[in-house]
Amino acid sequence: MTDAPVQLRLVVEAEDFEAALAFYRDALGLPELAAFEGDGDARVAILDAGRATLELANSAQKRMIDRIEAGGRPSPRIRVAFEVADAQGATRRLEGAGATVVAEPVETPWRSLNARLEAPADLTLTLFEELDGEERFVPLA
């Protein structure tokens, strides 16, 4: 398909741009690809988050993930998930950089270690570490 998208870009308005940039670029480690400034103190930074996917879930799936990952605490309609090599270490690092830990890393039925955080720019994050070395899709009953 020649007109298929080649990039997913999530655009997030950050009230405290400097704090958000320090968190996502410096603490989480997303490399800055480009940055632009415009009139009226307009600023944007484009950060590389690796491979992007769009995960669509119905309400029942979302509730199940919230139960497994965060002890039932509901997530907002949109949640950003980052795969990391060390969920425990990344959770501690991001907590130190200003995130609020909602749920400590927990092993999921699909063999990932997932943590839930509230982060700058009003984003709810999932950090996930694949325990088998690669993402597996396991049907759940």
C-alpha atoms as a PDB file:
ATOM      1  CA  MET A   1       0.000   0.000   0.000  1.00  0.00           C
ATOM      2  CA  THR A   2       1.798   3.119  -1.181  1.00  0.00           C
ATOM      3  CA  ASP A   3      -0.243   5.645   0.800  1.00  0.00           C
ATOM      4  CA  ALA A   4       0.110   3.864   4.179  1.00  0.00           C
ATOM      5  CA  PRO A   5       1.491   6.003   7.029  1.00  0.00           C
ATOM      6  CA  VAL A   6       5.241   5.816   7.553  1.00  0.00           C
ATOM      7  CA  GLN A   7       5.339   7.424  11.000  1.00  0.00           C
ATOM      8  CA  LEU A   8       3.092   7.749  14.024  1.00  0.00           C
ATOM      9  CA  ARG A   9       3.620  11.070  15.793  1.00  0.00           C
ATOM     10  CA  LEU A  10       1.859  11.738  19.089  1.00  0.00           C
ATOM     11  CA  VAL A  11       1.550  15.498  19.631  1.00  0.00           C
ATOM     12  CA  VAL A  12       1.199  16.528  23.283  1.00  0.00           C
ATOM     13  CA  GLU A  13       0.667  20.060  24.607  1.00  0.00           C
ATOM     14  CA  ALA A  14       2.893  20.609  27.654  1.00  0.00           C
ATOM     15  CA  GLU A  15       2.093  23.546  29.936  1.00  0.00           C
ATOM     16  CA  ASP A  16       5.602  23.322  31.441  1.00  0.00           C
ATOM     17  CA  PHE A  17       7.575  22.679  28.267  1.00  0.00           C
ATOM     18  CA  GLU A  18      11.004  22.711  29.942  1.00  0.00           C
ATOM     19  CA  ALA A  19       9.985  20.179  32.621  1.00  0.00           C
ATOM     20  CA  ALA A  20       8.363  17.908  30.044  1.00  0.00           C
ATOM     21  CA  LEU A  21      11.404  18.109  27.763  1.00  0.00           C
ATOM     22  CA  ALA A  22      13.764  17.316  30.657  1.00  0.00           C
ATOM     23  CA  PHE A  23      11.600  14.351  31.654  1.00  0.00           C
ATOM     24  CA  TYR A  24      11.053  12.728  28.253  1.00  0.00           C
ATOM     25  CA  ARG A  25      14.373  13.606  26.596  1.00  0.00           C
ATOM     26  CA  ASP A  26      16.766  13.521  29.529  1.00  0.00           C
ATOM     27  CA  ALA A  27      15.215  11.147  32.109  1.00  0.00           C
ATOM     28  CA  LEU A  28      13.419   8.710  29.789  1.00  0.00           C
ATOM     29  CA  GLY A  29      16.145   9.012  27.166  1.00  0.00           C
ATOM     30  CA  LEU A  30      14.210   9.835  23.992  1.00  0.00           C
ATOM     31  CA  PRO A  31      16.721  11.382  21.574  1.00  0.00           C
ATOM     32  CA  GLU A  32      15.838  14.815  20.216  1.00  0.00           C
ATOM     33  CA  LEU A  33      15.482  14.656  16.427  1.00  0.00           C
ATOM     34  CA  ALA A  34      14.574  18.287  15.862  1.00  0.00           C
ATOM     35  CA  ALA A  35      13.497  21.410  17.727  1.00  0.00           C
ATOM     36  CA  PHE A  36      11.856  24.566  16.440  1.00  0.00           C
ATOM     37  CA  GLU A  37      10.936  27.976  17.840  1.00  0.00           C
ATOM     38  CA  GLY A  38       8.387  30.412  16.502  1.00  0.00           C
ATOM     39  CA  ASP A  39       6.654  33.667  17.246  1.00  0.00           C
ATOM     40  CA  GLY A  40       5.206  34.275  20.688  1.00  0.00           C
ATOM     41  CA  ASP A  41       7.540  31.847  22.472  1.00  0.00           C
ATOM     42  CA  ALA A  42       6.207  28.905  20.392  1.00  0.00           C
ATOM     43  CA  ARG A  43       8.425  25.828  20.867  1.00  0.00           C
ATOM     44  CA  VAL A  44       8.341  22.214  19.812  1.00  0.00           C
ATOM     45  CA  ALA A  45      10.773  19.326  20.207  1.00  0.00           C
ATOM     46  CA  ILE A  46      10.443  16.116  18.208  1.00  0.00           C
ATOM     47  CA  LEU A  47      11.727  13.141  20.176  1.00  0.00           C
ATOM     48  CA  ASP A  48      12.494   9.689  18.781  1.00  0.00           C
ATOM     49  CA  ALA A  49      10.493   7.057  20.636  1.00  0.00           C
ATOM     50  CA  GLY A  50      11.572   4.095  18.498  1.00  0.00           C
ATOM     51  CA  ARG A  51       9.082   1.916  16.662  1.00  0.00           C
ATOM     52  CA  ALA A  52       5.477   3.073  17.012  1.00  0.00           C
ATOM     53  CA  THR A  53       2.336   0.990  17.116  1.00  0.00           C
ATOM     54  CA  LEU A  54      -1.296   1.923  17.611  1.00  0.00           C
ATOM     55  CA  GLU A  55      -2.960  -0.325  20.173  1.00  0.00           C
ATOM     56  CA  LEU A  56      -6.741  -0.256  19.987  1.00  0.00           C
ATOM     57  CA  ALA A  57      -8.604  -1.834  22.912  1.00  0.00           C
ATOM     58  CA  ASN A  58     -12.273  -2.135  23.699  1.00  0.00           C
ATOM     59  CA  SER A  59     -13.602  -1.156  27.142  1.00  0.00           C
ATOM     60  CA  ALA A  60     -13.414  -4.704  28.524  1.00  0.00           C
ATOM     61  CA  GLN A  61      -9.751  -5.043  27.480  1.00  0.00           C
ATOM     62  CA  LYS A  62      -8.904  -1.626  28.943  1.00  0.00           C
ATOM     63  CA  ARG A  63     -10.512  -2.597  32.267  1.00  0.00           C
ATOM     64  CA  MET A  64      -8.601  -5.903  32.266  1.00  0.00           C
ATOM     65  CA  ILE A  65      -5.282  -4.131  31.628  1.00  0.00           C
ATOM     66  CA  ASP A  66      -6.071  -1.601  34.366  1.00  0.00           C
ATOM     67  CA  ARG A  67      -6.848  -4.459  36.776  1.00  0.00           C
ATOM     68  CA  ILE A  68      -3.642  -6.366  35.971  1.00  0.00           C
ATOM     69  CA  GLU A  69      -1.303  -3.410  35.585  1.00  0.00           C
ATOM     70  CA  ALA A  70      -2.608  -0.931  38.156  1.00  0.00           C
ATOM     71  CA  GLY A  71      -4.727  -2.855  40.645  1.00  0.00           C
ATOM     72  CA  GLY A  72      -7.926  -1.687  38.972  1.00  0.00           C
ATOM     73  CA  ARG A  73      -7.143   2.035  38.983  1.00  0.00           C
ATOM     74  CA  PRO A  74      -8.661   3.281  35.729  1.00  0.00           C
ATOM     75  CA  SER A  75      -6.439   4.833  33.105  1.00  0.00           C
ATOM     76  CA  PRO A  76      -7.515   7.695  30.864  1.00  0.00           C
ATOM     77  CA  ARG A  77      -8.796   7.020  27.384  1.00  0.00           C
ATOM     78  CA  ILE A  78      -5.282   7.510  25.996  1.00  0.00           C
ATOM     79  CA  ARG A  79      -2.228   6.022  27.742  1.00  0.00           C
ATOM     80  CA  VAL A  80       1.323   6.066  26.364  1.00  0.00           C
ATOM     81  CA  ALA A  81       3.365   2.864  26.668  1.00  0.00           C
ATOM     82  CA  PHE A  82       7.146   2.699  26.333  1.00  0.00           C
ATOM     83  CA  GLU A  83       9.091  -0.541  26.038  1.00  0.00           C
ATOM     84  CA  VAL A  84      12.211  -0.363  28.210  1.00  0.00           C
ATOM     85  CA  ALA A  85      15.020  -2.828  28.906  1.00  0.00           C
ATOM     86  CA  ASP A  86      14.611  -2.575  32.708  1.00  0.00           C
ATOM     87  CA  ALA A  87      11.127  -1.670  33.971  1.00  0.00           C
ATOM     88  CA  GLN A  88      12.199  -1.540  37.616  1.00  0.00           C
ATOM     89  CA  GLY A  89      15.187   0.730  36.930  1.00  0.00           C
ATOM     90  CA  ALA A  90      13.253   2.976  34.541  1.00  0.00           C
ATOM     91  CA  THR A  91      10.425   3.304  37.067  1.00  0.00           C
ATOM     92  CA  ARG A  92      12.865   4.465  39.765  1.00  0.00           C
ATOM     93  CA  ARG A  93      14.657   6.837  37.362  1.00  0.00           C
ATOM     94  CA  LEU A  94      11.413   8.442  36.189  1.00  0.00           C
ATOM     95  CA  GLU A  95      10.069   8.671  39.719  1.00  0.00           C
ATOM     96  CA  GLY A  96      13.233  10.579  40.608  1.00  0.00           C
ATOM     97  CA  ALA A  97      12.635  12.851  37.626  1.00  0.00           C
ATOM     98  CA  GLY A  98       9.144  13.818  38.773  1.00  0.00           C
ATOM     99  CA  ALA A  99       6.741  11.049  37.750  1.00  0.00           C
ATOM    100  CA  THR A 100       4.257   9.655  40.264  1.00  0.00           C
ATOM    101  CA  VAL A 101       4.273   5.869  40.456  1.00  0.00           C
ATOM    102  CA  VAL A 102       0.691   4.609  40.262  1.00  0.00           C
ATOM    103  CA  ALA A 103       1.662   0.927  40.269  1.00  0.00           C
ATOM    104  CA  GLU A 104       5.022  -0.776  40.676  1.00  0.00           C
ATOM    105  CA  PRO A 105       6.181  -3.193  37.947  1.00  0.00           C
ATOM    106  CA  VAL A 106       4.065  -6.333  37.869  1.00  0.00           C
ATOM    107  CA  GLU A 107       4.350  -9.411  35.678  1.00  0.00           C
ATOM    108  CA  THR A 108       1.437  -9.702  33.260  1.00  0.00           C
ATOM    109  CA  PRO A 109      -0.132 -12.860  31.827  1.00  0.00           C
ATOM    110  CA  TRP A 110       1.488 -11.984  28.486  1.00  0.00           C
ATOM    111  CA  ARG A 111       4.979 -12.113  30.095  1.00  0.00           C
ATOM    112  CA  SER A 112       5.906  -8.492  30.362  1.00  0.00           C
ATOM    113  CA  LEU A 113       6.797  -6.473  33.438  1.00  0.00           C
ATOM    114  CA  ASN A 114       4.542  -3.393  33.464  1.00  0.00           C
ATOM    115  CA  ALA A 115       4.579  -0.260  35.632  1.00  0.00           C
ATOM    116  CA  ARG A 116       2.096   2.610  35.586  1.00  0.00           C
ATOM    117  CA  LEU A 117       3.118   6.249  36.132  1.00  0.00           C
ATOM    118  CA  GLU A 118       1.618   9.735  35.982  1.00  0.00           C
ATOM    119  CA  ALA A 119       4.108  11.907  34.116  1.00  0.00           C
ATOM    120  CA  PRO A 120       4.661  15.504  32.976  1.00  0.00           C
ATOM    121  CA  ALA A 121       2.355  16.933  30.302  1.00  0.00           C
ATOM    122  CA  ASP A 122      -0.524  15.111  32.046  1.00  0.00           C
ATOM    123  CA  LEU A 123       0.311  11.766  30.451  1.00  0.00           C
ATOM    124  CA  THR A 124      -0.334   8.376  31.986  1.00  0.00           C
ATOM    125  CA  LEU A 125       2.528   6.060  31.091  1.00  0.00           C
ATOM    126  CA  THR A 126       3.035   2.338  31.035  1.00  0.00           C
ATOM    127  CA  LEU A 127       6.619   1.160  31.094  1.00  0.00           C
ATOM    128  CA  PHE A 128       6.902  -2.418  29.894  1.00  0.00           C
ATOM    129  CA  GLU A 129       9.789  -4.853  29.758  1.00  0.00           C
ATOM    130  CA  GLU A 130       9.375  -7.949  27.616  1.00  0.00           C
ATOM    131  CA  LEU A 131      10.431 -10.887  29.795  1.00  0.00           C
ATOM    132  CA  ASP A 132      10.842 -13.360  26.935  1.00  0.00           C
ATOM    133  CA  GLY A 133      12.977 -10.984  24.892  1.00  0.00           C
ATOM    134  CA  GLU A 134      10.258 -10.183  22.365  1.00  0.00           C
ATOM    135  CA  GLU A 135       6.637  -9.151  22.356  1.00  0.00           C
ATOM    136  CA  ARG A 136       4.222 -12.063  22.361  1.00  0.00           C
ATOM    137  CA  PHE A 137       0.531 -11.866  21.684  1.00  0.00           C
ATOM    138  CA  VAL A 138      -1.315 -14.300  23.901  1.00  0.00           C
ATOM    139  CA  PRO A 139      -5.076 -14.723  23.593  1.00  0.00           C
ATOM    140  CA  LEU A 140      -6.727 -14.186  26.958  1.00  0.00           C
ATOM    141  CA  ALA A 141      -9.928 -15.902  27.984  1.00  0.00           C
END
